[in-house]
Amino acid sequence: MRMLLGWVINALCLLALPYVLQAVQITDFVTALVVALVLGLLNTVIRPVLLVLTLPINLLTLGLFTFVINGLLFWLVARFVDGFSVTSFGWAIVAAIVYSLISWAVSALVMPRKD
């Protein structure tokens, strides 16, 4: 149940993103659910591989290259999912950062950690 709630929260955060950044466009809630699912799958499967492959440059940039990897995955999802678009790769990096901040804040408020 917690995973489904997280999925819906991420979709709602994606719907809020065009109001914060005009470079991001999303058509409806169903598209937001698909984007949240695809983005979650890419972050689970491909992101760790990319982090290992780019470890030397990530070490040289003190971890800042991780933002580029997150932006790349965000931009990749925008290229494959109809109804979701980002104007450029630079805006995809910014959108990935803003999306993660919004998602983190909302998730912390709605689903507090059980310690």
N, C-alpha and C. Protein backbone atom coordinates (compact mmCIF):
# COMPACT_ATOMS: atom_id res chain seq x y z
N MET A 1 0.82 -1.19 0.00
CA MET A 1 0.00 0.00 0.00
C MET A 1 0.87 1.26 0.00
N ARG A 2 1.96 1.19 0.74
CA ARG A 2 2.88 2.34 0.82
C ARG A 2 3.50 2.64 -0.54
N MET A 3 3.79 1.59 -1.33
CA MET A 3 4.38 1.79 -2.64
C MET A 3 3.37 2.44 -3.60
N LEU A 4 2.11 2.05 -3.52
CA LEU A 4 1.08 2.66 -4.35
C LEU A 4 0.87 4.13 -3.98
N LEU A 5 0.91 4.43 -2.70
CA LEU A 5 0.78 5.81 -2.25
C LEU A 5 1.96 6.64 -2.75
N GLY A 6 3.15 6.08 -2.70
CA GLY A 6 4.33 6.77 -3.22
C GLY A 6 4.22 7.04 -4.71
N TRP A 7 3.67 6.07 -5.43
CA TRP A 7 3.49 6.22 -6.88
C TRP A 7 2.52 7.37 -7.19
N VAL A 8 1.41 7.43 -6.46
CA VAL A 8 0.43 8.50 -6.66
C VAL A 8 1.01 9.85 -6.25
N ILE A 9 1.78 9.88 -5.17
CA ILE A 9 2.41 11.13 -4.74
C ILE A 9 3.37 11.62 -5.82
N ASN A 10 4.17 10.73 -6.39
CA ASN A 10 5.10 11.13 -7.44
C ASN A 10 4.35 11.63 -8.67
N ALA A 11 3.23 11.01 -9.00
CA ALA A 11 2.44 11.47 -10.14
C ALA A 11 1.86 12.86 -9.87
N LEU A 12 1.39 13.10 -8.66
CA LEU A 12 0.87 14.42 -8.32
C LEU A 12 1.97 15.48 -8.34
N CYS A 13 3.16 15.10 -7.90
CA CYS A 13 4.29 16.02 -7.96
C CYS A 13 4.67 16.34 -9.41
N LEU A 14 4.54 15.36 -10.28
CA LEU A 14 4.78 15.61 -11.70
C LEU A 14 3.73 16.56 -12.27
N LEU A 15 2.49 16.46 -11.81
CA LEU A 15 1.46 17.38 -12.26
C LEU A 15 1.71 18.80 -11.76
N ALA A 16 2.36 18.95 -10.63
CA ALA A 16 2.67 20.28 -10.09
C ALA A 16 3.88 20.91 -10.77
N LEU A 17 4.71 20.10 -11.39
CA LEU A 17 5.95 20.59 -11.98
C LEU A 17 5.76 21.65 -13.07
N PRO A 18 4.77 21.54 -13.98
CA PRO A 18 4.60 22.60 -14.98
C PRO A 18 4.23 23.96 -14.39
N TYR A 19 3.67 23.98 -13.19
CA TYR A 19 3.34 25.25 -12.55
C TYR A 19 4.59 25.93 -11.99
N VAL A 20 5.62 25.13 -11.71
CA VAL A 20 6.87 25.67 -11.20
C VAL A 20 7.81 26.00 -12.35
N LEU A 21 7.91 25.12 -13.33
CA LEU A 21 8.78 25.30 -14.49
C LEU A 21 7.94 25.24 -15.76
N GLN A 22 7.95 26.30 -16.54
CA GLN A 22 7.17 26.29 -17.77
C GLN A 22 7.82 25.47 -18.87
N ALA A 23 9.04 25.02 -18.67
CA ALA A 23 9.73 24.20 -19.66
C ALA A 23 9.23 22.76 -19.66
N VAL A 24 8.44 22.40 -18.67
CA VAL A 24 7.90 21.04 -18.56
C VAL A 24 6.41 21.09 -18.85
N GLN A 25 5.95 20.17 -19.68
CA GLN A 25 4.52 20.07 -20.00
C GLN A 25 4.05 18.64 -19.78
N ILE A 26 2.90 18.49 -19.16
CA ILE A 26 2.30 17.17 -18.96
C ILE A 26 0.79 17.32 -19.16
N THR A 27 0.19 16.36 -19.85
CA THR A 27 -1.19 16.55 -20.28
C THR A 27 -2.22 16.22 -19.21
N ASP A 28 -2.13 15.06 -18.58
CA ASP A 28 -3.17 14.66 -17.64
C ASP A 28 -2.61 13.74 -16.56
N PHE A 29 -3.50 13.31 -15.67
CA PHE A 29 -3.08 12.48 -14.53
C PHE A 29 -2.63 11.09 -14.96
N VAL A 30 -3.26 10.53 -15.97
CA VAL A 30 -2.87 9.20 -16.45
C VAL A 30 -1.45 9.24 -17.01
N THR A 31 -1.14 10.30 -17.75
CA THR A 31 0.23 10.47 -18.26
C THR A 31 1.21 10.62 -17.11
N ALA A 32 0.81 11.35 -16.07
CA ALA A 32 1.67 11.52 -14.89
C ALA A 32 1.92 10.18 -14.21
N LEU A 33 0.89 9.33 -14.14
CA LEU A 33 1.08 7.99 -13.56
C LEU A 33 2.06 7.16 -14.39
N VAL A 34 1.93 7.23 -15.72
CA VAL A 34 2.84 6.48 -16.59
C VAL A 34 4.27 7.00 -16.46
N VAL A 35 4.42 8.32 -16.44
CA VAL A 35 5.75 8.92 -16.31
C VAL A 35 6.37 8.54 -14.97
N ALA A 36 5.59 8.58 -13.89
CA ALA A 36 6.11 8.21 -12.57
C ALA A 36 6.54 6.75 -12.55
N LEU A 37 5.77 5.88 -13.20
CA LEU A 37 6.12 4.47 -13.26
C LEU A 37 7.40 4.25 -14.07
N VAL A 38 7.47 4.83 -15.26
CA VAL A 38 8.65 4.65 -16.11
C VAL A 38 9.88 5.27 -15.46
N LEU A 39 9.73 6.45 -14.87
CA LEU A 39 10.86 7.09 -14.20
C LEU A 39 11.34 6.26 -13.01
N GLY A 40 10.41 5.69 -12.27
CA GLY A 40 10.78 4.82 -11.16
C GLY A 40 11.50 3.57 -11.62
N LEU A 41 11.04 2.97 -12.71
CA LEU A 41 11.71 1.78 -13.25
C LEU A 41 13.10 2.10 -13.76
N LEU A 42 13.24 3.23 -14.47
CA LEU A 42 14.56 3.62 -14.97
C LEU A 42 15.51 3.92 -13.81
N ASN A 43 15.00 4.59 -12.78
CA ASN A 43 15.84 4.89 -11.62
C ASN A 43 16.24 3.63 -10.86
N THR A 44 15.41 2.60 -10.94
CA THR A 44 15.73 1.35 -10.25
C THR A 44 16.70 0.49 -11.05
N VAL A 45 16.54 0.46 -12.37
CA VAL A 45 17.32 -0.47 -13.19
C VAL A 45 18.54 0.19 -13.83
N ILE A 46 18.35 1.31 -14.49
CA ILE A 46 19.43 1.90 -15.30
C ILE A 46 20.32 2.85 -14.51
N ARG A 47 19.75 3.60 -13.57
CA ARG A 47 20.54 4.59 -12.83
C ARG A 47 21.74 3.99 -12.09
N PRO A 48 21.59 2.84 -11.40
CA PRO A 48 22.78 2.29 -10.74
C PRO A 48 23.89 1.91 -11.73
N VAL A 49 23.50 1.40 -12.89
CA VAL A 49 24.50 1.04 -13.90
C VAL A 49 25.22 2.30 -14.39
N LEU A 50 24.45 3.36 -14.64
CA LEU A 50 25.06 4.62 -15.08
C LEU A 50 25.97 5.21 -14.01
N LEU A 51 25.58 5.10 -12.76
CA LEU A 51 26.42 5.62 -11.68
C LEU A 51 27.74 4.87 -11.59
N VAL A 52 27.71 3.56 -11.79
CA VAL A 52 28.95 2.78 -11.75
C VAL A 52 29.83 3.11 -12.96
N LEU A 53 29.20 3.23 -14.13
CA LEU A 53 29.97 3.51 -15.34
C LEU A 53 30.60 4.91 -15.33
N THR A 54 29.94 5.85 -14.69
CA THR A 54 30.46 7.22 -14.64
C THR A 54 31.13 7.54 -13.30
N LEU A 55 31.53 6.53 -12.58
CA LEU A 55 32.14 6.75 -11.26
C LEU A 55 33.38 7.65 -11.31
N PRO A 56 34.29 7.48 -12.28
CA PRO A 56 35.46 8.38 -12.28
C PRO A 56 35.09 9.86 -12.45
N ILE A 57 34.20 10.17 -13.38
CA ILE A 57 33.81 11.57 -13.56
C ILE A 57 32.97 12.07 -12.39
N ASN A 58 32.22 11.16 -11.78
CA ASN A 58 31.44 11.53 -10.60
C ASN A 58 32.36 11.86 -9.43
N LEU A 59 33.43 11.12 -9.29
CA LEU A 59 34.40 11.43 -8.23
C LEU A 59 35.11 12.76 -8.50
N LEU A 60 35.44 13.00 -9.76
CA LEU A 60 36.13 14.26 -10.11
C LEU A 60 35.23 15.48 -9.86
N THR A 61 33.95 15.33 -10.07
CA THR A 61 33.02 16.45 -9.86
C THR A 61 32.41 16.44 -8.47
N LEU A 62 32.92 15.58 -7.60
CA LEU A 62 32.44 15.48 -6.21
C LEU A 62 30.95 15.16 -6.14
N GLY A 63 30.48 14.33 -7.05
CA GLY A 63 29.11 13.87 -7.04
C GLY A 63 28.13 14.72 -7.81
N LEU A 64 28.57 15.85 -8.35
CA LEU A 64 27.65 16.72 -9.06
C LEU A 64 27.20 16.13 -10.40
N PHE A 65 27.96 15.19 -10.94
CA PHE A 65 27.56 14.56 -12.20
C PHE A 65 26.30 13.72 -12.03
N THR A 66 25.95 13.40 -10.80
CA THR A 66 24.71 12.68 -10.53
C THR A 66 23.50 13.49 -10.99
N PHE A 67 23.59 14.81 -10.88
CA PHE A 67 22.50 15.66 -11.37
C PHE A 67 22.33 15.51 -12.88
N VAL A 68 23.44 15.36 -13.59
CA VAL A 68 23.38 15.16 -15.04
C VAL A 68 22.73 13.82 -15.36
N ILE A 69 23.06 12.79 -14.61
CA ILE A 69 22.46 11.47 -14.83
C ILE A 69 20.95 11.52 -14.56
N ASN A 70 20.55 12.19 -13.48
CA ASN A 70 19.12 12.33 -13.18
C ASN A 70 18.41 13.10 -14.29
N GLY A 71 19.03 14.17 -14.77
CA GLY A 71 18.46 14.93 -15.87
C GLY A 71 18.37 14.12 -17.15
N LEU A 72 19.37 13.28 -17.39
CA LEU A 72 19.36 12.43 -18.58
C LEU A 72 18.19 11.45 -18.54
N LEU A 73 17.96 10.84 -17.39
CA LEU A 73 16.84 9.91 -17.26
C LEU A 73 15.50 10.64 -17.39
N PHE A 74 15.41 11.82 -16.82
CA PHE A 74 14.19 12.62 -16.92
C PHE A 74 13.93 13.00 -18.38
N TRP A 75 14.96 13.42 -19.09
CA TRP A 75 14.85 13.79 -20.50
C TRP A 75 14.50 12.58 -21.35
N LEU A 76 15.08 11.42 -21.01
CA LEU A 76 14.80 10.19 -21.75
C LEU A 76 13.33 9.80 -21.63
N VAL A 77 12.78 9.91 -20.44
CA VAL A 77 11.36 9.61 -20.24
C VAL A 77 10.50 10.59 -21.03
N ALA A 78 10.90 11.85 -21.07
CA ALA A 78 10.14 12.85 -21.83
C ALA A 78 10.16 12.55 -23.33
N ARG A 79 11.21 11.92 -23.81
CA ARG A 79 11.30 11.58 -25.24
C ARG A 79 10.44 10.37 -25.60
N PHE A 80 10.21 9.47 -24.65
CA PHE A 80 9.50 8.23 -24.95
C PHE A 80 8.02 8.24 -24.60
N VAL A 81 7.60 9.05 -23.65
CA VAL A 81 6.21 9.05 -23.20
C VAL A 81 5.46 10.21 -23.87
N ASP A 82 4.40 9.88 -24.59
CA ASP A 82 3.57 10.91 -25.22
C ASP A 82 2.80 11.68 -24.15
N GLY A 83 2.69 12.98 -24.34
CA GLY A 83 1.97 13.82 -23.39
C GLY A 83 2.86 14.40 -22.31
N PHE A 84 4.15 14.10 -22.36
CA PHE A 84 5.11 14.62 -21.39
C PHE A 84 6.30 15.15 -22.16
N SER A 85 6.64 16.42 -21.95
CA SER A 85 7.75 17.00 -22.71
C SER A 85 8.55 17.96 -21.85
N VAL A 86 9.83 18.04 -22.18
CA VAL A 86 10.75 18.99 -21.58
C VAL A 86 11.45 19.69 -22.73
N THR A 87 11.60 21.01 -22.66
CA THR A 87 12.08 21.76 -23.81
C THR A 87 13.53 21.46 -24.18
N SER A 88 14.39 21.21 -23.20
CA SER A 88 15.80 20.94 -23.52
C SER A 88 16.44 20.09 -22.42
N PHE A 89 17.64 19.64 -22.70
CA PHE A 89 18.35 18.80 -21.72
C PHE A 89 18.70 19.59 -20.46
N GLY A 90 19.06 20.86 -20.63
CA GLY A 90 19.37 21.70 -19.47
C GLY A 90 18.17 21.86 -18.56
N TRP A 91 17.01 22.07 -19.17
CA TRP A 91 15.79 22.17 -18.37
C TRP A 91 15.43 20.83 -17.75
N ALA A 92 15.81 19.73 -18.38
CA ALA A 92 15.56 18.42 -17.80
C ALA A 92 16.35 18.24 -16.51
N ILE A 93 17.57 18.74 -16.48
CA ILE A 93 18.37 18.67 -15.25
C ILE A 93 17.71 19.49 -14.14
N VAL A 94 17.30 20.71 -14.49
CA VAL A 94 16.63 21.57 -13.50
C VAL A 94 15.31 20.93 -13.05
N ALA A 95 14.55 20.39 -14.00
CA ALA A 95 13.26 19.78 -13.67
C ALA A 95 13.45 18.56 -12.78
N ALA A 96 14.49 17.76 -13.03
CA ALA A 96 14.75 16.59 -12.19
C ALA A 96 15.08 17.02 -10.76
N ILE A 97 15.81 18.09 -10.61
CA ILE A 97 16.15 18.58 -9.27
C ILE A 97 14.89 19.10 -8.56
N VAL A 98 14.11 19.92 -9.26
CA VAL A 98 12.89 20.47 -8.65
C VAL A 98 11.90 19.37 -8.34
N TYR A 99 11.75 18.41 -9.26
CA TYR A 99 10.84 17.28 -9.04
C TYR A 99 11.25 16.47 -7.81
N SER A 100 12.53 16.21 -7.67
CA SER A 100 12.97 15.43 -6.52
C SER A 100 12.76 16.19 -5.22
N LEU A 101 12.94 17.51 -5.23
CA LEU A 101 12.70 18.30 -4.02
C LEU A 101 11.21 18.32 -3.65
N ILE A 102 10.34 18.53 -4.64
CA ILE A 102 8.90 18.53 -4.38
C ILE A 102 8.45 17.16 -3.88
N SER A 103 8.91 16.11 -4.56
CA SER A 103 8.53 14.75 -4.19
C SER A 103 9.01 14.40 -2.79
N TRP A 104 10.22 14.79 -2.46
CA TRP A 104 10.77 14.52 -1.14
C TRP A 104 9.94 15.24 -0.06
N ALA A 105 9.62 16.51 -0.29
CA ALA A 105 8.88 17.28 0.71
C ALA A 105 7.47 16.73 0.92
N VAL A 106 6.78 16.42 -0.17
CA VAL A 106 5.42 15.90 -0.05
C VAL A 106 5.43 14.52 0.59
N SER A 107 6.37 13.68 0.19
CA SER A 107 6.45 12.34 0.78
C SER A 107 6.77 12.40 2.27
N ALA A 108 7.61 13.34 2.67
CA ALA A 108 7.94 13.48 4.08
C ALA A 108 6.73 13.94 4.90
N LEU A 109 5.87 14.75 4.27
CA LEU A 109 4.68 15.20 4.99
C LEU A 109 3.59 14.13 5.03
N VAL A 110 3.40 13.41 3.93
CA VAL A 110 2.29 12.47 3.85
C VAL A 110 2.65 11.11 4.44
N MET A 111 3.87 10.66 4.17
CA MET A 111 4.29 9.33 4.62
C MET A 111 5.51 9.44 5.55
N PRO A 112 5.30 9.82 6.80
CA PRO A 112 6.45 9.92 7.72
C PRO A 112 7.09 8.55 7.94
N ARG A 113 8.39 8.57 8.16
CA ARG A 113 9.13 7.32 8.37
C ARG A 113 8.77 6.71 9.70
N LYS A 114 8.72 5.39 9.70
CA LYS A 114 8.47 4.65 10.94
C LYS A 114 9.82 4.17 11.46
N ASP A 115 10.23 4.69 12.59
CA ASP A 115 11.52 4.28 13.18
C ASP A 115 11.33 3.37 14.35
